[in-house]
Amino acid sequence: MFHGCYRDPEPTAGAWHDGIHRTDDVIKSSDYRIGPFEVESALIEHPAVLECAVAGVPDPDRGAVVKATVVLAKGDAPGPDLATELPKTISGKIRRVEIREKGAE
């Protein structure tokens, strides 16, 4: 069984809630379990979407709501609210945890 991160208690504390280890990307909103991959797959079908990432952000009534961050394809004009880049790791993996944190602000 998992007891914690070796010699690093801070990530361990953030991963446990009410005695349950939670680190998956599944969004629980109004008792629905929403997989970000399915939402991203639907968004990426739009010709104006080059890249996207979906994460849950805290909501006082629903627990979490879905937030999509979208990068438009070349040639599509973004509005001021859409001009952005997705946060990524050095290897290029999208950092959903950072999107969740920004959505909570």
C-alpha atoms as a PDB file:
ATOM      1  CA  MET A   1       0.000   0.000   0.000  1.00  0.00           C
ATOM      2  CA  PHE A   2       1.073   3.577  -0.615  1.00  0.00           C
ATOM      3  CA  HIS A   3       2.146   5.397   2.544  1.00  0.00           C
ATOM      4  CA  GLY A   4       3.641   8.533   1.052  1.00  0.00           C
ATOM      5  CA  CYS A   5       6.380  10.052  -1.054  1.00  0.00           C
ATOM      6  CA  TYR A   6       9.813   9.012   0.162  1.00  0.00           C
ATOM      7  CA  ARG A   7      11.416  11.815   2.190  1.00  0.00           C
ATOM      8  CA  ASP A   8       8.985  14.359   0.740  1.00  0.00           C
ATOM      9  CA  PRO A   9       5.861  14.855   2.900  1.00  0.00           C
ATOM     10  CA  GLU A  10       4.491  17.896   1.017  1.00  0.00           C
ATOM     11  CA  PRO A  11       3.245  16.064  -2.118  1.00  0.00           C
ATOM     12  CA  THR A  12       1.911  13.301   0.114  1.00  0.00           C
ATOM     13  CA  ALA A  13      -0.209  15.773   2.085  1.00  0.00           C
ATOM     14  CA  GLY A  14      -1.704  17.199  -1.118  1.00  0.00           C
ATOM     15  CA  ALA A  15      -2.595  13.775  -2.513  1.00  0.00           C
ATOM     16  CA  TRP A  16      -4.581  12.522   0.496  1.00  0.00           C
ATOM     17  CA  HIS A  17      -8.116  13.644   1.353  1.00  0.00           C
ATOM     18  CA  ASP A  18     -10.262  12.025   4.083  1.00  0.00           C
ATOM     19  CA  GLY A  19      -7.922   9.027   4.205  1.00  0.00           C
ATOM     20  CA  ILE A  20      -8.173   8.402   0.437  1.00  0.00           C
ATOM     21  CA  HIS A  21      -5.315   8.857  -2.039  1.00  0.00           C
ATOM     22  CA  ARG A  22      -6.514  11.060  -4.934  1.00  0.00           C
ATOM     23  CA  THR A  23      -4.285  12.064  -7.811  1.00  0.00           C
ATOM     24  CA  ASP A  24      -6.195  11.175 -10.966  1.00  0.00           C
ATOM     25  CA  ASP A  25      -7.398  13.711 -13.523  1.00  0.00           C
ATOM     26  CA  VAL A  26     -11.061  12.643 -13.349  1.00  0.00           C
ATOM     27  CA  ILE A  27     -13.346  15.608 -12.664  1.00  0.00           C
ATOM     28  CA  LYS A  28     -16.228  15.037 -10.242  1.00  0.00           C
ATOM     29  CA  SER A  29     -18.974  17.589 -10.907  1.00  0.00           C
ATOM     30  CA  SER A  30     -22.471  17.319  -9.407  1.00  0.00           C
ATOM     31  CA  ASP A  31     -21.885  13.592  -8.770  1.00  0.00           C
ATOM     32  CA  TYR A  32     -20.832  13.003 -12.395  1.00  0.00           C
ATOM     33  CA  ARG A  33     -17.389  11.627 -13.181  1.00  0.00           C
ATOM     34  CA  ILE A  34     -15.998  13.423 -16.233  1.00  0.00           C
ATOM     35  CA  GLY A  35     -12.883  12.209 -17.999  1.00  0.00           C
ATOM     36  CA  PRO A  36     -10.817  15.115 -19.358  1.00  0.00           C
ATOM     37  CA  PHE A  37      -9.572  12.976 -22.258  1.00  0.00           C
ATOM     38  CA  GLU A  38     -13.110  12.564 -23.636  1.00  0.00           C
ATOM     39  CA  VAL A  39     -13.783  16.311 -23.500  1.00  0.00           C
ATOM     40  CA  GLU A  40     -10.392  17.059 -25.087  1.00  0.00           C
ATOM     41  CA  SER A  41     -11.117  14.526 -27.838  1.00  0.00           C
ATOM     42  CA  ALA A  42     -14.382  16.302 -28.657  1.00  0.00           C
ATOM     43  CA  LEU A  43     -12.776  19.765 -28.646  1.00  0.00           C
ATOM     44  CA  ILE A  44      -9.855  18.744 -30.855  1.00  0.00           C
ATOM     45  CA  GLU A  45     -12.332  17.720 -33.570  1.00  0.00           C
ATOM     46  CA  HIS A  46     -13.078  21.410 -34.206  1.00  0.00           C
ATOM     47  CA  PRO A  47     -10.933  22.705 -37.094  1.00  0.00           C
ATOM     48  CA  ALA A  48      -9.971  25.867 -35.188  1.00  0.00           C
ATOM     49  CA  VAL A  49      -8.532  23.907 -32.238  1.00  0.00           C
ATOM     50  CA  LEU A  50      -4.856  23.014 -32.480  1.00  0.00           C
ATOM     51  CA  GLU A  51      -4.396  21.867 -28.895  1.00  0.00           C
ATOM     52  CA  CYS A  52      -6.451  21.776 -25.716  1.00  0.00           C
ATOM     53  CA  ALA A  53      -6.391  20.663 -22.105  1.00  0.00           C
ATOM     54  CA  VAL A  54      -9.304  20.097 -19.745  1.00  0.00           C
ATOM     55  CA  ALA A  55      -9.198  20.184 -15.960  1.00  0.00           C
ATOM     56  CA  GLY A  56     -11.605  20.530 -13.079  1.00  0.00           C
ATOM     57  CA  VAL A  57     -11.648  23.739 -11.080  1.00  0.00           C
ATOM     58  CA  PRO A  58     -13.314  24.097  -7.669  1.00  0.00           C
ATOM     59  CA  ASP A  59     -16.947  25.165  -7.557  1.00  0.00           C
ATOM     60  CA  PRO A  60     -18.868  25.729  -4.307  1.00  0.00           C
ATOM     61  CA  ASP A  61     -22.112  24.200  -5.630  1.00  0.00           C
ATOM     62  CA  ARG A  62     -20.909  21.387  -7.908  1.00  0.00           C
ATOM     63  CA  GLY A  63     -17.597  20.404  -6.314  1.00  0.00           C
ATOM     64  CA  ALA A  64     -15.798  21.130  -9.587  1.00  0.00           C
ATOM     65  CA  VAL A  65     -16.597  22.490 -13.032  1.00  0.00           C
ATOM     66  CA  VAL A  66     -14.908  21.704 -16.317  1.00  0.00           C
ATOM     67  CA  LYS A  67     -12.398  24.267 -17.588  1.00  0.00           C
ATOM     68  CA  ALA A  68     -10.984  23.949 -21.093  1.00  0.00           C
ATOM     69  CA  THR A  69      -7.851  25.774 -22.183  1.00  0.00           C
ATOM     70  CA  VAL A  70      -7.647  25.947 -25.976  1.00  0.00           C
ATOM     71  CA  VAL A  71      -4.872  26.889 -28.404  1.00  0.00           C
ATOM     72  CA  LEU A  72      -6.246  27.898 -31.781  1.00  0.00           C
ATOM     73  CA  ALA A  73      -4.882  26.592 -35.073  1.00  0.00           C
ATOM     74  CA  LYS A  74      -2.706  28.843 -37.216  1.00  0.00           C
ATOM     75  CA  GLY A  75      -4.824  31.245 -39.224  1.00  0.00           C
ATOM     76  CA  ASP A  76      -7.624  31.433 -36.648  1.00  0.00           C
ATOM     77  CA  ALA A  77      -7.821  34.744 -34.823  1.00  0.00           C
ATOM     78  CA  PRO A  78      -7.981  34.423 -31.043  1.00  0.00           C
ATOM     79  CA  GLY A  79      -9.933  36.841 -28.902  1.00  0.00           C
ATOM     80  CA  PRO A  80      -8.326  38.391 -25.841  1.00  0.00           C
ATOM     81  CA  ASP A  81      -9.699  35.641 -23.566  1.00  0.00           C
ATOM     82  CA  LEU A  82      -8.273  32.833 -25.727  1.00  0.00           C
ATOM     83  CA  ALA A  83      -4.719  34.063 -26.359  1.00  0.00           C
ATOM     84  CA  THR A  84      -2.678  31.611 -24.302  1.00  0.00           C
ATOM     85  CA  GLU A  85      -0.258  28.736 -24.243  1.00  0.00           C
ATOM     86  CA  LEU A  86      -0.757  25.515 -22.343  1.00  0.00           C
ATOM     87  CA  PRO A  87       1.535  24.919 -19.365  1.00  0.00           C
ATOM     88  CA  LYS A  88       3.793  21.949 -20.101  1.00  0.00           C
ATOM     89  CA  THR A  89       6.564  19.927 -18.553  1.00  0.00           C
ATOM     90  CA  ILE A  90      10.039  19.881 -20.081  1.00  0.00           C
ATOM     91  CA  SER A  91       9.059  16.718 -21.974  1.00  0.00           C
ATOM     92  CA  GLY A  92       5.966  18.415 -23.462  1.00  0.00           C
ATOM     93  CA  LYS A  93       3.262  16.832 -21.285  1.00  0.00           C
ATOM     94  CA  ILE A  94       0.374  19.197 -20.468  1.00  0.00           C
ATOM     95  CA  ARG A  95       0.331  20.195 -16.776  1.00  0.00           C
ATOM     96  CA  ARG A  96      -3.356  19.911 -15.851  1.00  0.00           C
ATOM     97  CA  VAL A  97      -2.578  20.541 -12.190  1.00  0.00           C
ATOM     98  CA  GLU A  98      -1.387  24.054 -13.099  1.00  0.00           C
ATOM     99  CA  ILE A  99      -4.598  24.688 -15.056  1.00  0.00           C
ATOM    100  CA  ARG A 100      -6.648  23.545 -12.047  1.00  0.00           C
ATOM    101  CA  GLU A 101      -4.700  25.887  -9.755  1.00  0.00           C
ATOM    102  CA  LYS A 102      -5.163  28.878 -12.077  1.00  0.00           C
ATOM    103  CA  GLY A 103      -8.897  28.124 -12.345  1.00  0.00           C
ATOM    104  CA  ALA A 104      -9.226  28.212  -8.575  1.00  0.00           C
ATOM    105  CA  GLU A 105      -7.894  31.791  -8.444  1.00  0.00           C
END
